[in-house]
Amino acid sequence: MTTNEQLELRFNGMQTRVFGRRRESRAARAQWWFARMRETVANAMDWSAPAEPHAEQLWIPGANRSLKV
């Protein structure tokens, strides 16, 4: 038997999905997500840079030993 029509397979009697509808819902979710991210960035606080720490010299015991070869 030969046919030029596409065959459809279904699993356990489930209806086939309409892919255009799925694509629309995916685009709507992406649009919602990016709107929330833009809102988050717009409402973000500006943090001031931390001040430079004061220079501190430490004495490390045993650091002044000389190496004998």
N, C-alpha and C. Protein backbone atom coordinates (compact mmCIF):
# COMPACT_ATOMS: atom_id res chain seq x y z
N MET A 1 0.85 -1.18 0.00
CA MET A 1 0.00 0.00 0.00
C MET A 1 0.88 1.23 0.00
N THR A 2 0.68 2.11 -0.92
CA THR A 2 1.43 3.36 -0.96
C THR A 2 0.45 4.52 -0.85
N THR A 3 0.90 5.56 -0.17
CA THR A 3 0.05 6.75 0.00
C THR A 3 0.94 7.98 0.04
N ASN A 4 0.44 9.08 -0.36
CA ASN A 4 1.16 10.35 -0.32
C ASN A 4 0.75 11.19 0.88
N GLU A 5 -0.11 10.64 1.72
CA GLU A 5 -0.57 11.38 2.89
C GLU A 5 0.28 11.03 4.10
N GLN A 6 0.42 11.98 5.00
CA GLN A 6 1.22 11.77 6.21
C GLN A 6 0.41 10.95 7.21
N LEU A 7 1.06 9.99 7.85
CA LEU A 7 0.41 9.17 8.85
C LEU A 7 0.55 9.82 10.22
N GLU A 8 -0.45 9.70 11.06
CA GLU A 8 -0.39 10.22 12.42
C GLU A 8 -0.37 9.07 13.39
N LEU A 9 0.50 9.15 14.37
CA LEU A 9 0.56 8.14 15.41
C LEU A 9 0.11 8.78 16.71
N ARG A 10 -0.70 8.06 17.46
CA ARG A 10 -1.17 8.55 18.75
C ARG A 10 -0.82 7.53 19.81
N PHE A 11 -0.54 8.01 21.02
CA PHE A 11 -0.20 7.13 22.12
C PHE A 11 -1.38 7.03 23.08
N ASN A 12 -1.88 5.85 23.29
CA ASN A 12 -2.99 5.57 24.21
C ASN A 12 -4.21 6.44 23.95
N GLY A 13 -4.50 6.70 22.70
CA GLY A 13 -5.69 7.46 22.36
C GLY A 13 -5.59 8.95 22.63
N MET A 14 -4.40 9.46 22.97
CA MET A 14 -4.26 10.89 23.23
C MET A 14 -4.30 11.66 21.91
N GLN A 15 -4.86 12.84 21.98
CA GLN A 15 -4.92 13.66 20.77
C GLN A 15 -3.55 14.27 20.50
N THR A 16 -3.29 14.53 19.24
CA THR A 16 -2.01 15.15 18.88
C THR A 16 -2.06 16.62 19.28
N ARG A 17 -0.90 17.16 19.63
CA ARG A 17 -0.82 18.56 20.04
C ARG A 17 -0.79 19.48 18.83
N VAL A 18 -1.30 20.64 19.02
CA VAL A 18 -1.21 21.66 18.00
C VAL A 18 0.04 22.47 18.34
N PHE A 19 1.05 22.37 17.51
CA PHE A 19 2.34 22.97 17.85
C PHE A 19 2.30 24.50 17.82
N GLY A 20 1.47 25.09 17.01
CA GLY A 20 1.37 26.54 16.97
C GLY A 20 0.91 27.10 18.32
N ARG A 21 -0.02 26.41 18.94
CA ARG A 21 -0.53 26.85 20.25
C ARG A 21 0.56 26.75 21.31
N ARG A 22 1.34 25.68 21.27
CA ARG A 22 2.43 25.50 22.23
C ARG A 22 3.47 26.60 22.04
N ARG A 23 3.74 26.94 20.81
CA ARG A 23 4.72 27.98 20.52
C ARG A 23 4.24 29.33 21.06
N GLU A 24 2.95 29.60 20.92
CA GLU A 24 2.39 30.85 21.45
C GLU A 24 2.54 30.92 22.96
N SER A 25 2.26 29.82 23.65
CA SER A 25 2.35 29.84 25.10
C SER A 25 3.80 29.97 25.54
N ARG A 26 4.72 29.38 24.81
CA ARG A 26 6.14 29.51 25.12
C ARG A 26 6.59 30.96 24.95
N ALA A 27 6.13 31.61 23.89
CA ALA A 27 6.47 33.01 23.66
C ALA A 27 5.87 33.90 24.74
N ALA A 28 4.66 33.58 25.18
CA ALA A 28 4.02 34.37 26.24
C ALA A 28 4.78 34.23 27.56
N ARG A 29 5.22 33.01 27.88
CA ARG A 29 6.01 32.80 29.10
C ARG A 29 7.33 33.55 29.03
N ALA A 30 7.98 33.51 27.87
CA ALA A 30 9.25 34.21 27.71
C ALA A 30 9.03 35.72 27.85
N GLN A 31 7.96 36.22 27.26
CA GLN A 31 7.66 37.64 27.36
C GLN A 31 7.42 38.04 28.81
N TRP A 32 6.70 37.22 29.56
CA TRP A 32 6.45 37.49 30.98
C TRP A 32 7.76 37.48 31.76
N TRP A 33 8.62 36.48 31.50
CA TRP A 33 9.89 36.34 32.22
C TRP A 33 10.78 37.57 31.99
N PHE A 34 10.94 37.98 30.74
CA PHE A 34 11.81 39.11 30.45
C PHE A 34 11.24 40.41 30.98
N ALA A 35 9.93 40.53 31.03
CA ALA A 35 9.32 41.72 31.64
C ALA A 35 9.66 41.78 33.13
N ARG A 36 9.62 40.63 33.82
CA ARG A 36 9.98 40.60 35.25
C ARG A 36 11.46 40.92 35.45
N MET A 37 12.32 40.42 34.57
CA MET A 37 13.76 40.70 34.70
C MET A 37 14.06 42.17 34.47
N ARG A 38 13.38 42.79 33.48
CA ARG A 38 13.56 44.23 33.25
C ARG A 38 13.10 45.03 34.46
N GLU A 39 11.99 44.61 35.06
CA GLU A 39 11.48 45.28 36.25
C GLU A 39 12.47 45.15 37.41
N THR A 40 13.04 43.98 37.57
CA THR A 40 14.02 43.75 38.64
C THR A 40 15.24 44.64 38.46
N VAL A 41 15.73 44.73 37.24
CA VAL A 41 16.90 45.57 36.97
C VAL A 41 16.55 47.04 37.20
N ALA A 42 15.37 47.46 36.79
CA ALA A 42 14.96 48.85 36.97
C ALA A 42 14.84 49.21 38.45
N ASN A 43 14.44 48.27 39.29
CA ASN A 43 14.25 48.53 40.71
C ASN A 43 15.47 48.18 41.57
N ALA A 44 16.58 47.80 40.93
CA ALA A 44 17.77 47.40 41.68
C ALA A 44 18.39 48.60 42.38
N MET A 45 18.97 48.33 43.54
CA MET A 45 19.65 49.39 44.30
C MET A 45 21.05 49.59 43.75
N ASP A 46 21.53 50.84 43.81
CA ASP A 46 22.91 51.12 43.46
C ASP A 46 23.73 51.00 44.72
N TRP A 47 24.71 50.11 44.70
CA TRP A 47 25.57 49.92 45.85
C TRP A 47 26.82 50.76 45.65
N SER A 48 27.26 51.44 46.71
CA SER A 48 28.49 52.20 46.60
C SER A 48 29.67 51.24 46.76
N ALA A 49 30.77 51.59 46.10
CA ALA A 49 31.95 50.73 46.17
C ALA A 49 32.53 50.79 47.58
N PRO A 50 33.00 49.68 48.10
CA PRO A 50 33.58 49.69 49.44
C PRO A 50 34.87 50.51 49.46
N ALA A 51 35.14 51.15 50.59
CA ALA A 51 36.35 51.94 50.74
C ALA A 51 37.56 51.02 50.73
N GLU A 52 38.69 51.55 50.27
CA GLU A 52 39.92 50.76 50.25
C GLU A 52 40.33 50.46 51.69
N PRO A 53 40.71 49.23 51.98
CA PRO A 53 41.13 48.91 53.34
C PRO A 53 42.50 49.55 53.63
N HIS A 54 42.73 49.81 54.91
CA HIS A 54 44.02 50.38 55.31
C HIS A 54 45.11 49.35 55.11
N ALA A 55 46.29 49.82 54.74
CA ALA A 55 47.42 48.92 54.57
C ALA A 55 47.81 48.37 55.94
N GLU A 56 48.07 47.10 55.98
CA GLU A 56 48.42 46.48 57.24
C GLU A 56 49.61 45.55 57.00
N GLN A 57 50.64 45.73 57.80
CA GLN A 57 51.81 44.87 57.66
C GLN A 57 51.76 43.83 58.76
N LEU A 58 51.85 42.60 58.38
CA LEU A 58 51.78 41.49 59.32
C LEU A 58 53.15 40.87 59.51
N TRP A 59 53.41 40.41 60.70
CA TRP A 59 54.62 39.67 60.98
C TRP A 59 54.24 38.20 61.01
N ILE A 60 54.86 37.43 60.13
CA ILE A 60 54.57 36.01 60.09
C ILE A 60 55.75 35.28 60.72
N PRO A 61 55.55 34.63 61.85
CA PRO A 61 56.65 33.93 62.50
C PRO A 61 57.29 32.89 61.58
N GLY A 62 58.61 32.89 61.53
CA GLY A 62 59.33 31.92 60.71
C GLY A 62 59.48 32.32 59.26
N ALA A 63 58.96 33.47 58.87
CA ALA A 63 59.05 33.89 57.47
C ALA A 63 60.42 34.43 57.13
N ASN A 64 61.23 34.77 58.13
CA ASN A 64 62.54 35.37 57.86
C ASN A 64 63.67 34.33 57.89
N ARG A 65 63.33 33.08 57.93
CA ARG A 65 64.35 32.05 57.93
C ARG A 65 65.03 31.97 56.58
N SER A 66 66.30 31.70 56.59
CA SER A 66 67.02 31.54 55.34
C SER A 66 67.08 30.06 54.99
N LEU A 67 67.10 29.80 53.71
CA LEU A 67 67.10 28.44 53.22
C LEU A 67 68.54 28.00 52.99
N LYS A 68 68.96 26.90 53.57
CA LYS A 68 70.33 26.39 53.40
C LYS A 68 70.25 25.23 52.42
N VAL A 69 71.07 25.31 51.40
CA VAL A 69 71.07 24.27 50.37
C VAL A 69 72.24 23.34 50.54
